[in-house]
PDB file of N, CA and C in Angstrom:
ATOM      1  N   MET A   1      96.074 -18.569   2.428  1.00  0.00           N
ATOM      2  CA  MET A   1      95.488 -17.407   3.074  1.00  0.00           C
ATOM      3  C   MET A   1      94.889 -16.464   2.037  1.00  0.00           C
ATOM      4  N   GLU A   2      95.570 -16.267   0.920  1.00  0.00           N
ATOM      5  CA  GLU A   2      95.072 -15.408  -0.153  1.00  0.00           C
ATOM      6  C   GLU A   2      93.742 -15.930  -0.691  1.00  0.00           C
ATOM      7  N   ILE A   3      93.620 -17.245  -0.867  1.00  0.00           N
ATOM      8  CA  ILE A   3      92.390 -17.838  -1.391  1.00  0.00           C
ATOM      9  C   ILE A   3      91.240 -17.619  -0.419  1.00  0.00           C
ATOM     10  N   GLU A   4      91.497 -17.756   0.880  1.00  0.00           N
ATOM     11  CA  GLU A   4      90.456 -17.514   1.881  1.00  0.00           C
ATOM     12  C   GLU A   4      89.985 -16.069   1.817  1.00  0.00           C
ATOM     13  N   HIS A   5      90.931 -15.150   1.630  1.00  0.00           N
ATOM     14  CA  HIS A   5      90.592 -13.728   1.536  1.00  0.00           C
ATOM     15  C   HIS A   5      89.704 -13.474   0.321  1.00  0.00           C
ATOM     16  N   ILE A   6      90.027 -14.082  -0.800  1.00  0.00           N
ATOM     17  CA  ILE A   6      89.224 -13.924  -2.015  1.00  0.00           C
ATOM     18  C   ILE A   6      87.832 -14.503  -1.812  1.00  0.00           C
ATOM     19  N   GLN A   7      87.736 -15.652  -1.150  1.00  0.00           N
ATOM     20  CA  GLN A   7      86.429 -16.259  -0.881  1.00  0.00           C
ATOM     21  C   GLN A   7      85.597 -15.373   0.032  1.00  0.00           C
ATOM     22  N   THR A   8      86.244 -14.747   1.017  1.00  0.00           N
ATOM     23  CA  THR A   8      85.541 -13.839   1.914  1.00  0.00           C
ATOM     24  C   THR A   8      85.009 -12.642   1.138  1.00  0.00           C
ATOM     25  N   LEU A   9      85.830 -12.089   0.250  1.00  0.00           N
ATOM     26  CA  LEU A   9      85.389 -10.960  -0.566  1.00  0.00           C
ATOM     27  C   LEU A   9      84.237 -11.371  -1.471  1.00  0.00           C
ATOM     28  N   GLY A  10      84.291 -12.570  -2.005  1.00  0.00           N
ATOM     29  CA  GLY A  10      83.236 -13.067  -2.889  1.00  0.00           C
ATOM     30  C   GLY A  10      81.901 -13.211  -2.197  1.00  0.00           C
ATOM     31  N   SER A  11      81.920 -13.413  -0.888  1.00  0.00           N
ATOM     32  CA  SER A  11      80.662 -13.556  -0.152  1.00  0.00           C
ATOM     33  C   SER A  11      80.097 -12.215   0.309  1.00  0.00           C
ATOM     34  N   THR A  12      80.789 -11.120   0.006  1.00  0.00           N
ATOM     35  CA  THR A  12      80.296  -9.786   0.344  1.00  0.00           C
ATOM     36  C   THR A  12      78.998  -9.516  -0.408  1.00  0.00           C
ATOM     37  N   ILE A  13      78.020  -8.967   0.297  1.00  0.00           N
ATOM     38  CA  ILE A  13      76.723  -8.657  -0.313  1.00  0.00           C
ATOM     39  C   ILE A  13      76.874  -7.440  -1.218  1.00  0.00           C
ATOM     40  N   LEU A  14      76.483  -7.598  -2.455  1.00  0.00           N
ATOM     41  CA  LEU A  14      76.608  -6.545  -3.464  1.00  0.00           C
ATOM     42  C   LEU A  14      75.528  -5.489  -3.303  1.00  0.00           C
ATOM     43  N   CYS A  15      74.321  -5.941  -2.999  1.00  0.00           N
ATOM     44  CA  CYS A  15      73.176  -5.033  -2.935  1.00  0.00           C
ATOM     45  C   CYS A  15      72.244  -5.477  -1.812  1.00  0.00           C
ATOM     46  N   ASP A  16      71.937  -4.574  -0.898  1.00  0.00           N
ATOM     47  CA  ASP A  16      71.030  -4.903   0.204  1.00  0.00           C
ATOM     48  C   ASP A  16      69.618  -5.195  -0.291  1.00  0.00           C
ATOM     49  N   CYS A  17      69.258  -4.631  -1.421  1.00  0.00           N
ATOM     50  CA  CYS A  17      67.908  -4.846  -1.967  1.00  0.00           C
ATOM     51  C   CYS A  17      67.670  -6.316  -2.294  1.00  0.00           C
ATOM     52  N   SER A  18      68.671  -6.942  -2.881  1.00  0.00           N
ATOM     53  CA  SER A  18      68.487  -8.325  -3.329  1.00  0.00           C
ATOM     54  C   SER A  18      69.278  -9.329  -2.506  1.00  0.00           C
ATOM     55  N   GLU A  19      70.174  -8.834  -1.679  1.00  0.00           N
ATOM     56  CA  GLU A  19      71.066  -9.683  -0.887  1.00  0.00           C
ATOM     57  C   GLU A  19      71.879 -10.631  -1.771  1.00  0.00           C
ATOM     58  N   THR A  20      72.262 -10.149  -2.942  1.00  0.00           N
ATOM     59  CA  THR A  20      73.084 -10.911  -3.878  1.00  0.00           C
ATOM     60  C   THR A  20      74.552 -10.706  -3.526  1.00  0.00           C
ATOM     61  N   SER A  21      75.306 -11.791  -3.438  1.00  0.00           N
ATOM     62  CA  SER A  21      76.736 -11.681  -3.144  1.00  0.00           C
ATOM     63  C   SER A  21      77.509 -11.405  -4.433  1.00  0.00           C
ATOM     64  N   ILE A  22      78.746 -10.969  -4.274  1.00  0.00           N
ATOM     65  CA  ILE A  22      79.599 -10.726  -5.434  1.00  0.00           C
ATOM     66  C   ILE A  22      79.777 -12.018  -6.225  1.00  0.00           C
ATOM     67  N   LYS A  23      79.993 -13.113  -5.523  1.00  0.00           N
ATOM     68  CA  LYS A  23      80.176 -14.416  -6.180  1.00  0.00           C
ATOM     69  C   LYS A  23      78.949 -14.786  -7.007  1.00  0.00           C
ATOM     70  N   ASP A  24      77.746 -14.591  -6.439  1.00  0.00           N
ATOM     71  CA  ASP A  24      76.511 -14.898  -7.165  1.00  0.00           C
ATOM     72  C   ASP A  24      76.348 -13.987  -8.377  1.00  0.00           C
ATOM     73  N   ALA A  25      76.683 -12.708  -8.203  1.00  0.00           N
ATOM     74  CA  ALA A  25      76.567 -11.752  -9.307  1.00  0.00           C
ATOM     75  C   ALA A  25      77.499 -12.132 -10.453  1.00  0.00           C
ATOM     76  N   ILE A  26      78.723 -12.533 -10.122  1.00  0.00           N
ATOM     77  CA  ILE A  26      79.669 -12.958 -11.161  1.00  0.00           C
ATOM     78  C   ILE A  26      79.104 -14.151 -11.917  1.00  0.00           C
ATOM     79  N   GLU A  27      78.570 -15.103 -11.177  1.00  0.00           N
ATOM     80  CA  GLU A  27      77.987 -16.308 -11.789  1.00  0.00           C
ATOM     81  C   GLU A  27      76.859 -15.936 -12.762  1.00  0.00           C
ATOM     82  N   ILE A  28      75.978 -15.043 -12.334  1.00  0.00           N
ATOM     83  CA  ILE A  28      74.850 -14.620 -13.174  1.00  0.00           C
ATOM     84  C   ILE A  28      75.360 -13.878 -14.410  1.00  0.00           C
ATOM     85  N   LEU A  29      76.287 -12.945 -14.200  1.00  0.00           N
ATOM     86  CA  LEU A  29      76.791 -12.133 -15.308  1.00  0.00           C
ATOM     87  C   LEU A  29      77.575 -12.961 -16.325  1.00  0.00           C
ATOM     88  N   GLN A  30      78.242 -14.002 -15.873  1.00  0.00           N
ATOM     89  CA  GLN A  30      78.998 -14.845 -16.797  1.00  0.00           C
ATOM     90  C   GLN A  30      78.086 -15.665 -17.705  1.00  0.00           C
ATOM     91  N   HIS A  31      76.846 -15.846 -17.301  1.00  0.00           N
ATOM     92  CA  HIS A  31      75.927 -16.683 -18.077  1.00  0.00           C
ATOM     93  C   HIS A  31      74.850 -15.881 -18.809  1.00  0.00           C
ATOM     94  N   THR A  32      75.087 -14.590 -18.983  1.00  0.00           N
ATOM     95  CA  THR A  32      74.132 -13.779 -19.727  1.00  0.00           C
ATOM     96  C   THR A  32      74.868 -12.901 -20.732  1.00  0.00           C
ATOM     97  N   ASP A  33      74.187 -12.561 -21.800  1.00  0.00           N
ATOM     98  CA  ASP A  33      74.761 -11.635 -22.774  1.00  0.00           C
ATOM     99  C   ASP A  33      73.917 -10.365 -22.858  1.00  0.00           C
ATOM    100  N   LEU A  34      73.138 -10.122 -21.818  1.00  0.00           N
ATOM    101  CA  LEU A  34      72.294  -8.931 -21.765  1.00  0.00           C
ATOM    102  C   LEU A  34      73.144  -7.676 -21.607  1.00  0.00           C
ATOM    103  N   PRO A  35      72.665  -6.537 -22.117  1.00  0.00           N
ATOM    104  CA  PRO A  35      73.359  -5.270 -21.870  1.00  0.00           C
ATOM    105  C   PRO A  35      73.245  -4.915 -20.387  1.00  0.00           C
ATOM    106  N   TYR A  36      74.099  -4.006 -19.930  1.00  0.00           N
ATOM    107  CA  TYR A  36      74.184  -3.699 -18.501  1.00  0.00           C
ATOM    108  C   TYR A  36      72.842  -3.401 -17.823  1.00  0.00           C
ATOM    109  N   PRO A  37      71.997  -2.506 -18.357  1.00  0.00           N
ATOM    110  CA  PRO A  37      70.754  -2.195 -17.626  1.00  0.00           C
ATOM    111  C   PRO A  37      69.889  -3.429 -17.341  1.00  0.00           C
ATOM    112  N   LYS A  38      69.782  -4.315 -18.305  1.00  0.00           N
ATOM    113  CA  LYS A  38      68.966  -5.518 -18.100  1.00  0.00           C
ATOM    114  C   LYS A  38      69.692  -6.529 -17.214  1.00  0.00           C
ATOM    115  N   ALA A  39      71.001  -6.611 -17.355  1.00  0.00           N
ATOM    116  CA  ALA A  39      71.778  -7.519 -16.503  1.00  0.00           C
ATOM    117  C   ALA A  39      71.718  -7.059 -15.051  1.00  0.00           C
ATOM    118  N   LYS A  40      71.735  -5.745 -14.836  1.00  0.00           N
ATOM    119  CA  LYS A  40      71.632  -5.201 -13.475  1.00  0.00           C
ATOM    120  C   LYS A  40      70.324  -5.635 -12.836  1.00  0.00           C
ATOM    121  N   LYS A  41      69.258  -5.508 -13.584  1.00  0.00           N
ATOM    122  CA  LYS A  41      67.948  -5.905 -13.068  1.00  0.00           C
ATOM    123  C   LYS A  41      67.893  -7.412 -12.797  1.00  0.00           C
ATOM    124  N   LEU A  42      68.556  -8.191 -13.622  1.00  0.00           N
ATOM    125  CA  LEU A  42      68.614  -9.636 -13.433  1.00  0.00           C
ATOM    126  C   LEU A  42      69.360  -9.989 -12.136  1.00  0.00           C
ATOM    127  N   VAL A  43      70.449  -9.285 -11.877  1.00  0.00           N
ATOM    128  CA  VAL A  43      71.265  -9.559 -10.690  1.00  0.00           C
ATOM    129  C   VAL A  43      70.603  -9.038  -9.426  1.00  0.00           C
ATOM    130  N   THR A  44      70.131  -7.792  -9.455  1.00  0.00           N
ATOM    131  CA  THR A  44      69.627  -7.161  -8.228  1.00  0.00           C
ATOM    132  C   THR A  44      68.123  -7.297  -8.049  1.00  0.00           C
ATOM    133  N   LYS A  45      67.419  -7.561  -9.130  1.00  0.00           N
ATOM    134  CA  LYS A  45      65.954  -7.649  -9.112  1.00  0.00           C
ATOM    135  C   LYS A  45      65.304  -6.345  -8.638  1.00  0.00           C
ATOM    136  N   CYS A  46      65.989  -5.231  -8.882  1.00  0.00           N
ATOM    137  CA  CYS A  46      65.428  -3.918  -8.553  1.00  0.00           C
ATOM    138  C   CYS A  46      65.963  -2.892  -9.546  1.00  0.00           C
ATOM    139  N   SER A  47      65.422  -1.693  -9.497  1.00  0.00           N
ATOM    140  CA  SER A  47      65.874  -0.650 -10.419  1.00  0.00           C
ATOM    141  C   SER A  47      66.494   0.529  -9.673  1.00  0.00           C
ATOM    142  N   ARG A  48      66.803   0.343  -8.399  1.00  0.00           N
ATOM    143  CA  ARG A  48      67.434   1.405  -7.613  1.00  0.00           C
ATOM    144  C   ARG A  48      68.895   1.558  -8.027  1.00  0.00           C
ATOM    145  N   THR A  49      69.495   2.667  -7.638  1.00  0.00           N
ATOM    146  CA  THR A  49      70.874   2.941  -8.044  1.00  0.00           C
ATOM    147  C   THR A  49      71.883   2.735  -6.913  1.00  0.00           C
ATOM    148  N   CYS A  50      71.471   2.126  -5.812  1.00  0.00           N
ATOM    149  CA  CYS A  50      72.345   1.981  -4.641  1.00  0.00           C
ATOM    150  C   CYS A  50      73.619   1.192  -4.935  1.00  0.00           C
ATOM    151  N   CYS A  51      73.582   0.268  -5.861  1.00  0.00           N
ATOM    152  CA  CYS A  51      74.763  -0.568  -6.139  1.00  0.00           C
ATOM    153  C   CYS A  51      75.275  -0.363  -7.565  1.00  0.00           C
ATOM    154  N   ASP A  52      74.869   0.709  -8.199  1.00  0.00           N
ATOM    155  CA  ASP A  52      75.172   0.897  -9.618  1.00  0.00           C
ATOM    156  C   ASP A  52      76.672   0.914  -9.922  1.00  0.00           C
ATOM    157  N   LYS A  53      77.454   1.672  -9.149  1.00  0.00           N
ATOM    158  CA  LYS A  53      78.891   1.784  -9.439  1.00  0.00           C
ATOM    159  C   LYS A  53      79.606   0.452  -9.282  1.00  0.00           C
ATOM    160  N   SER A  54      79.348  -0.221  -8.186  1.00  0.00           N
ATOM    161  CA  SER A  54      80.041  -1.494  -7.954  1.00  0.00           C
ATOM    162  C   SER A  54      79.590  -2.566  -8.941  1.00  0.00           C
ATOM    163  N   LEU A  55      78.314  -2.594  -9.268  1.00  0.00           N
ATOM    164  CA  LEU A  55      77.822  -3.602 -10.209  1.00  0.00           C
ATOM    165  C   LEU A  55      78.304  -3.317 -11.629  1.00  0.00           C
ATOM    166  N   ARG A  56      78.364  -2.055 -12.004  1.00  0.00           N
ATOM    167  CA  ARG A  56      78.875  -1.702 -13.339  1.00  0.00           C
ATOM    168  C   ARG A  56      80.352  -2.110 -13.458  1.00  0.00           C
ATOM    169  N   LEU A  57      81.121  -1.873 -12.400  1.00  0.00           N
ATOM    170  CA  LEU A  57      82.522  -2.283 -12.399  1.00  0.00           C
ATOM    171  C   LEU A  57      82.629  -3.801 -12.526  1.00  0.00           C
ATOM    172  N   LEU A  58      81.819  -4.516 -11.777  1.00  0.00           N
ATOM    173  CA  LEU A  58      81.820  -5.977 -11.832  1.00  0.00           C
ATOM    174  C   LEU A  58      81.398  -6.475 -13.213  1.00  0.00           C
ATOM    175  N   PHE A  59      80.404  -5.824 -13.812  1.00  0.00           N
ATOM    176  CA  PHE A  59      79.944  -6.162 -15.164  1.00  0.00           C
ATOM    177  C   PHE A  59      81.107  -6.043 -16.156  1.00  0.00           C
ATOM    178  N   ASN A  60      81.863  -4.947 -16.060  1.00  0.00           N
ATOM    179  CA  ASN A  60      83.010  -4.747 -16.951  1.00  0.00           C
ATOM    180  C   ASN A  60      84.105  -5.775 -16.692  1.00  0.00           C
ATOM    181  N   MET A  61      84.320  -6.112 -15.432  1.00  0.00           N
ATOM    182  CA  MET A  61      85.334  -7.115 -15.098  1.00  0.00           C
ATOM    183  C   MET A  61      84.969  -8.475 -15.685  1.00  0.00           C
ATOM    184  N   VAL A  62      83.697  -8.828 -15.619  1.00  0.00           N
ATOM    185  CA  VAL A  62      83.245 -10.096 -16.199  1.00  0.00           C
ATOM    186  C   VAL A  62      83.455 -10.067 -17.709  1.00  0.00           C
ATOM    187  N   GLU A  63      83.142  -8.934 -18.320  1.00  0.00           N
ATOM    188  CA  GLU A  63      83.294  -8.804 -19.769  1.00  0.00           C
ATOM    189  C   GLU A  63      84.752  -8.967 -20.207  1.00  0.00           C
ATOM    190  N   PHE A  64      85.677  -8.409 -19.415  1.00  0.00           N
ATOM    191  CA  PHE A  64      87.091  -8.467 -19.783  1.00  0.00           C
ATOM    192  C   PHE A  64      87.826  -9.649 -19.155  1.00  0.00           C
ATOM    193  N   GLY A  65      87.174 -10.351 -18.231  1.00  0.00           N
ATOM    194  CA  GLY A  65      87.752 -11.566 -17.660  1.00  0.00           C
ATOM    195  C   GLY A  65      88.809 -11.365 -16.599  1.00  0.00           C
ATOM    196  N   LYS A  66      88.916 -10.159 -16.059  1.00  0.00           N
ATOM    197  CA  LYS A  66      89.909  -9.880 -15.026  1.00  0.00           C
ATOM    198  C   LYS A  66      89.194  -9.253 -13.833  1.00  0.00           C
ATOM    199  N   PHE A  67      89.391  -9.834 -12.639  1.00  0.00           N
ATOM    200  CA  PHE A  67      88.631  -9.415 -11.467  1.00  0.00           C
ATOM    201  C   PHE A  67      89.519  -8.790 -10.401  1.00  0.00           C
ATOM    202  N   ASP A  68      89.037  -7.697  -9.818  1.00  0.00           N
ATOM    203  CA  ASP A  68      89.684  -7.061  -8.672  1.00  0.00           C
ATOM    204  C   ASP A  68      88.601  -6.904  -7.609  1.00  0.00           C
ATOM    205  N   LEU A  69      88.415  -7.955  -6.823  1.00  0.00           N
ATOM    206  CA  LEU A  69      87.333  -7.960  -5.839  1.00  0.00           C
ATOM    207  C   LEU A  69      87.546  -6.926  -4.746  1.00  0.00           C
ATOM    208  N   VAL A  70      88.791  -6.592  -4.447  1.00  0.00           N
ATOM    209  CA  VAL A  70      89.075  -5.574  -3.433  1.00  0.00           C
ATOM    210  C   VAL A  70      88.492  -4.235  -3.876  1.00  0.00           C
ATOM    211  N   GLU A  71      88.655  -3.905  -5.140  1.00  0.00           N
ATOM    212  CA  GLU A  71      88.118  -2.653  -5.678  1.00  0.00           C
ATOM    213  C   GLU A  71      86.588  -2.653  -5.644  1.00  0.00           C
ATOM    214  N   VAL A  72      85.975  -3.771  -5.976  1.00  0.00           N
ATOM    215  CA  VAL A  72      84.511  -3.876  -5.948  1.00  0.00           C
ATOM    216  C   VAL A  72      84.004  -3.687  -4.523  1.00  0.00           C
ATOM    217  N   VAL A  73      84.637  -4.350  -3.563  1.00  0.00           N
ATOM    218  CA  VAL A  73      84.221  -4.235  -2.160  1.00  0.00           C
ATOM    219  C   VAL A  73      84.393  -2.806  -1.668  1.00  0.00           C
ATOM    220  N   SER A  74      85.467  -2.137  -2.072  1.00  0.00           N
ATOM    221  CA  SER A  74      85.668  -0.749  -1.640  1.00  0.00           C
ATOM    222  C   SER A  74      84.570   0.163  -2.182  1.00  0.00           C
ATOM    223  N   LEU A  75      84.079  -0.090  -3.389  1.00  0.00           N
ATOM    224  CA  LEU A  75      82.967   0.695  -3.932  1.00  0.00           C
ATOM    225  C   LEU A  75      81.663   0.397  -3.196  1.00  0.00           C
ATOM    226  N   ILE A  76      81.468  -0.839  -2.793  1.00  0.00           N
ATOM    227  CA  ILE A  76      80.252  -1.207  -2.063  1.00  0.00           C
ATOM    228  C   ILE A  76      80.202  -0.474  -0.731  1.00  0.00           C
ATOM    229  N   LYS A  77      81.343  -0.344  -0.079  1.00  0.00           N
ATOM    230  CA  LYS A  77      81.387   0.257   1.254  1.00  0.00           C
ATOM    231  C   LYS A  77      81.299   1.770   1.228  1.00  0.00           C
ATOM    232  N   LYS A  78      81.407   2.387   0.049  1.00  0.00           N
ATOM    233  CA  LYS A  78      81.325   3.857  -0.045  1.00  0.00           C
ATOM    234  C   LYS A  78      79.918   4.343   0.073  1.00  0.00           C
TER     235      LYS A  78
END
């Protein structure tokens, strides 16, 4: 049940502009060494700030290798 919950959280859309899911964003961020501003543009394909807090948190989580998807989803919904 826990794994299903994590998979559901991973499919949450990170940014309405690009319709990128959290899972897709993690995949992209894990395969780039770009600094945050350029990585954000790579993930969202836009320069708006609508998803900045949640994406910055996710960027840091990828960098440190520890993920709290519940926290990311709560920031998206704010």
